[in-house]
Amino acid sequence: QVQLVESGGGLVQAGGSLRLSCAASGGTFSTYAMGWFRQAPGKEREFVAVISWGGSRTNYADSVKDRFTISRDNAKKMVYLQMNSLKPEDTAVYYCAAPTARFRFLSDHKEYDSWGQGTQVTVSS
């Protein structure tokens, strides 16, 4: 397992941008795909984006495609989520996560067992 700590959340106006960061420690970071998920009040946790262990492959939820970009730096054990053109419906607590299995490219939050504490993103209209 890896330990994860997110940062970079905050309050932003609609149309603005934020960059979330996730610092990892422990485990073999470069062998895990990494995901970002979010959970709004009263809603289930949902997939946002995933990046493969080497960084060459990504996948996004339709709701964030072309607005959000996931990236990673294995040397620094960091994962990032650049969020542009933010909308009020993007308001949620954002979590980075690592899956249970190494070398698996997964989008289902049930397949992830290492989670950060979350960082709040609030987009005002």
C-alpha atoms as a PDB file:
ATOM      1  CA  GLN A   1       0.000   0.000   0.000  1.00  0.00           C
ATOM      2  CA  VAL A   2       0.949   3.607  -0.487  1.00  0.00           C
ATOM      3  CA  GLN A   3       0.143   6.562   1.731  1.00  0.00           C
ATOM      4  CA  LEU A   4      -1.380   9.563  -0.025  1.00  0.00           C
ATOM      5  CA  VAL A   5      -1.809  13.236   0.847  1.00  0.00           C
ATOM      6  CA  GLU A   6      -3.756  15.634  -1.388  1.00  0.00           C
ATOM      7  CA  SER A   7      -3.398  19.402  -1.551  1.00  0.00           C
ATOM      8  CA  GLY A   8      -4.405  22.296  -3.758  1.00  0.00           C
ATOM      9  CA  GLY A   9      -8.143  22.508  -3.235  1.00  0.00           C
ATOM     10  CA  GLY A  10      -9.942  25.758  -2.577  1.00  0.00           C
ATOM     11  CA  LEU A  11     -12.656  28.175  -3.642  1.00  0.00           C
ATOM     12  CA  VAL A  12     -12.717  29.345  -7.250  1.00  0.00           C
ATOM     13  CA  GLN A  13     -15.203  31.082  -9.502  1.00  0.00           C
ATOM     14  CA  ALA A  14     -16.822  29.277 -12.386  1.00  0.00           C
ATOM     15  CA  GLY A  15     -14.503  29.253 -15.368  1.00  0.00           C
ATOM     16  CA  GLY A  16     -11.419  29.293 -13.182  1.00  0.00           C
ATOM     17  CA  SER A  17      -8.672  26.744 -12.693  1.00  0.00           C
ATOM     18  CA  LEU A  18      -7.123  24.736  -9.877  1.00  0.00           C
ATOM     19  CA  ARG A  19      -4.287  22.243  -9.722  1.00  0.00           C
ATOM     20  CA  LEU A  20      -4.550  19.407  -7.240  1.00  0.00           C
ATOM     21  CA  SER A  21      -1.463  17.553  -6.062  1.00  0.00           C
ATOM     22  CA  CYS A  22      -1.119  14.174  -4.424  1.00  0.00           C
ATOM     23  CA  ALA A  23       2.075  13.139  -2.637  1.00  0.00           C
ATOM     24  CA  ALA A  24       2.724   9.433  -2.215  1.00  0.00           C
ATOM     25  CA  SER A  25       4.971   7.585   0.191  1.00  0.00           C
ATOM     26  CA  GLY A  26       5.660   3.939   0.831  1.00  0.00           C
ATOM     27  CA  GLY A  27       4.939   1.127  -1.576  1.00  0.00           C
ATOM     28  CA  THR A  28       6.270   0.952  -5.100  1.00  0.00           C
ATOM     29  CA  PHE A  29       4.575   4.015  -6.531  1.00  0.00           C
ATOM     30  CA  SER A  30       5.739   3.527 -10.118  1.00  0.00           C
ATOM     31  CA  THR A  31       3.984   0.152 -10.348  1.00  0.00           C
ATOM     32  CA  TYR A  32       0.499   1.489  -9.586  1.00  0.00           C
ATOM     33  CA  ALA A  33      -1.988   3.268 -11.767  1.00  0.00           C
ATOM     34  CA  MET A  34      -3.271   6.310  -9.878  1.00  0.00           C
ATOM     35  CA  GLY A  35      -6.792   7.659  -9.846  1.00  0.00           C
ATOM     36  CA  TRP A  36      -8.653  10.793  -8.874  1.00  0.00           C
ATOM     37  CA  PHE A  37     -12.193  10.483  -7.564  1.00  0.00           C
ATOM     38  CA  ARG A  38     -14.651  12.971  -6.114  1.00  0.00           C
ATOM     39  CA  GLN A  39     -17.642  12.955  -3.825  1.00  0.00           C
ATOM     40  CA  ALA A  40     -20.241  15.679  -3.566  1.00  0.00           C
ATOM     41  CA  PRO A  41     -22.594  15.968  -0.566  1.00  0.00           C
ATOM     42  CA  GLY A  42     -25.341  13.378  -0.740  1.00  0.00           C
ATOM     43  CA  LYS A  43     -23.802  11.664  -3.757  1.00  0.00           C
ATOM     44  CA  GLU A  44     -21.730   8.557  -4.266  1.00  0.00           C
ATOM     45  CA  ARG A  45     -18.008   8.720  -4.889  1.00  0.00           C
ATOM     46  CA  GLU A  46     -17.369   8.952  -8.619  1.00  0.00           C
ATOM     47  CA  PHE A  47     -14.465   8.403 -10.939  1.00  0.00           C
ATOM     48  CA  VAL A  48     -12.727  11.477 -12.349  1.00  0.00           C
ATOM     49  CA  ALA A  49      -9.485  10.340 -14.003  1.00  0.00           C
ATOM     50  CA  VAL A  50      -6.867   7.594 -13.996  1.00  0.00           C
ATOM     51  CA  ILE A  51      -3.288   7.433 -15.224  1.00  0.00           C
ATOM     52  CA  SER A  52      -1.242   4.319 -15.864  1.00  0.00           C
ATOM     53  CA  TRP A  53       1.858   3.437 -13.840  1.00  0.00           C
ATOM     54  CA  GLY A  54       4.210   4.790 -16.523  1.00  0.00           C
ATOM     55  CA  GLY A  55       2.015   7.764 -17.371  1.00  0.00           C
ATOM     56  CA  SER A  56       1.444   6.883 -21.017  1.00  0.00           C
ATOM     57  CA  ARG A  57      -2.249   6.078 -20.720  1.00  0.00           C
ATOM     58  CA  THR A  58      -5.065   8.146 -19.245  1.00  0.00           C
ATOM     59  CA  ASN A  59      -8.824   7.963 -19.015  1.00  0.00           C
ATOM     60  CA  TYR A  60     -11.393  10.529 -17.928  1.00  0.00           C
ATOM     61  CA  ALA A  61     -15.018  10.687 -16.911  1.00  0.00           C
ATOM     62  CA  ASP A  62     -17.112  12.195 -19.694  1.00  0.00           C
ATOM     63  CA  SER A  63     -18.073  15.073 -17.405  1.00  0.00           C
ATOM     64  CA  VAL A  64     -14.460  16.296 -17.125  1.00  0.00           C
ATOM     65  CA  LYS A  65     -13.010  15.265 -20.469  1.00  0.00           C
ATOM     66  CA  ASP A  66     -11.254  18.133 -22.282  1.00  0.00           C
ATOM     67  CA  ARG A  67     -11.258  20.222 -19.080  1.00  0.00           C
ATOM     68  CA  PHE A  68      -9.172  18.165 -16.640  1.00  0.00           C
ATOM     69  CA  THR A  69      -5.703  16.674 -17.135  1.00  0.00           C
ATOM     70  CA  ILE A  70      -4.106  14.008 -14.962  1.00  0.00           C
ATOM     71  CA  SER A  71      -0.331  13.631 -14.837  1.00  0.00           C
ATOM     72  CA  ARG A  72       2.335  12.057 -12.660  1.00  0.00           C
ATOM     73  CA  ASP A  73       6.001  12.374 -11.792  1.00  0.00           C
ATOM     74  CA  ASN A  74       7.309   9.005 -10.639  1.00  0.00           C
ATOM     75  CA  ALA A  75      10.672  10.415  -9.566  1.00  0.00           C
ATOM     76  CA  LYS A  76       8.881  12.740  -7.138  1.00  0.00           C
ATOM     77  CA  LYS A  77       6.077  10.274  -6.327  1.00  0.00           C
ATOM     78  CA  MET A  78       3.482  12.869  -7.240  1.00  0.00           C
ATOM     79  CA  VAL A  79       0.169  12.825  -9.083  1.00  0.00           C
ATOM     80  CA  TYR A  80      -1.546  15.971 -10.343  1.00  0.00           C
ATOM     81  CA  LEU A  81      -4.980  16.960 -11.556  1.00  0.00           C
ATOM     82  CA  GLN A  82      -5.119  20.175 -13.568  1.00  0.00           C
ATOM     83  CA  MET A  83      -8.700  21.410 -13.609  1.00  0.00           C
ATOM     84  CA  ASN A  84      -9.693  24.121 -16.084  1.00  0.00           C
ATOM     85  CA  SER A  85     -13.032  25.704 -16.996  1.00  0.00           C
ATOM     86  CA  LEU A  86     -14.427  24.697 -13.634  1.00  0.00           C
ATOM     87  CA  LYS A  87     -18.178  24.507 -13.170  1.00  0.00           C
ATOM     88  CA  PRO A  88     -20.307  24.647 -10.006  1.00  0.00           C
ATOM     89  CA  GLU A  89     -21.125  20.965 -10.524  1.00  0.00           C
ATOM     90  CA  ASP A  90     -17.423  20.174 -10.049  1.00  0.00           C
ATOM     91  CA  THR A  91     -17.806  21.111  -6.373  1.00  0.00           C
ATOM     92  CA  ALA A  92     -16.814  18.084  -4.284  1.00  0.00           C
ATOM     93  CA  VAL A  93     -14.148  16.583  -2.092  1.00  0.00           C
ATOM     94  CA  TYR A  94     -11.442  15.220  -4.380  1.00  0.00           C
ATOM     95  CA  TYR A  95      -9.440  12.133  -3.492  1.00  0.00           C
ATOM     96  CA  CYS A  96      -6.415  10.529  -5.036  1.00  0.00           C
ATOM     97  CA  ALA A  97      -6.170   6.785  -4.729  1.00  0.00           C
ATOM     98  CA  ALA A  98      -4.067   3.772  -5.579  1.00  0.00           C
ATOM     99  CA  PRO A  99      -5.599   0.425  -6.538  1.00  0.00           C
ATOM    100  CA  THR A 100      -5.107  -2.828  -4.714  1.00  0.00           C
ATOM    101  CA  ALA A 101      -3.419  -4.449  -7.695  1.00  0.00           C
ATOM    102  CA  ARG A 102      -0.229  -3.319  -9.351  1.00  0.00           C
ATOM    103  CA  PHE A 103      -0.060  -2.849 -13.139  1.00  0.00           C
ATOM    104  CA  ARG A 104      -3.835  -2.630 -13.453  1.00  0.00           C
ATOM    105  CA  PHE A 105      -5.570   0.285 -15.213  1.00  0.00           C
ATOM    106  CA  LEU A 106      -8.802   0.660 -13.221  1.00  0.00           C
ATOM    107  CA  SER A 107     -11.666   3.144 -12.998  1.00  0.00           C
ATOM    108  CA  ASP A 108     -13.903   1.492 -10.382  1.00  0.00           C
ATOM    109  CA  HIS A 109     -13.376   2.992  -6.928  1.00  0.00           C
ATOM    110  CA  LYS A 110     -14.075  -0.430  -5.412  1.00  0.00           C
ATOM    111  CA  GLU A 111     -10.764  -1.615  -6.883  1.00  0.00           C
ATOM    112  CA  TYR A 112      -8.842   1.032  -4.913  1.00  0.00           C
ATOM    113  CA  ASP A 113      -7.760   0.555  -1.316  1.00  0.00           C
ATOM    114  CA  SER A 114      -5.280   3.376  -0.630  1.00  0.00           C
ATOM    115  CA  TRP A 115      -6.932   6.776  -0.265  1.00  0.00           C
ATOM    116  CA  GLY A 116      -5.843  10.242   0.734  1.00  0.00           C
ATOM    117  CA  GLN A 117      -7.798  12.376   3.183  1.00  0.00           C
ATOM    118  CA  GLY A 118      -9.351  14.426   0.401  1.00  0.00           C
ATOM    119  CA  THR A 119      -9.230  18.093  -0.541  1.00  0.00           C
ATOM    120  CA  GLN A 120     -12.290  20.326  -0.920  1.00  0.00           C
ATOM    121  CA  VAL A 121     -12.950  22.040  -4.245  1.00  0.00           C
ATOM    122  CA  THR A 122     -15.730  24.617  -4.294  1.00  0.00           C
ATOM    123  CA  VAL A 123     -16.754  26.363  -7.502  1.00  0.00           C
ATOM    124  CA  SER A 124     -19.005  29.386  -7.147  1.00  0.00           C
ATOM    125  CA  SER A 125     -21.355  30.539  -9.881  1.00  0.00           C
END
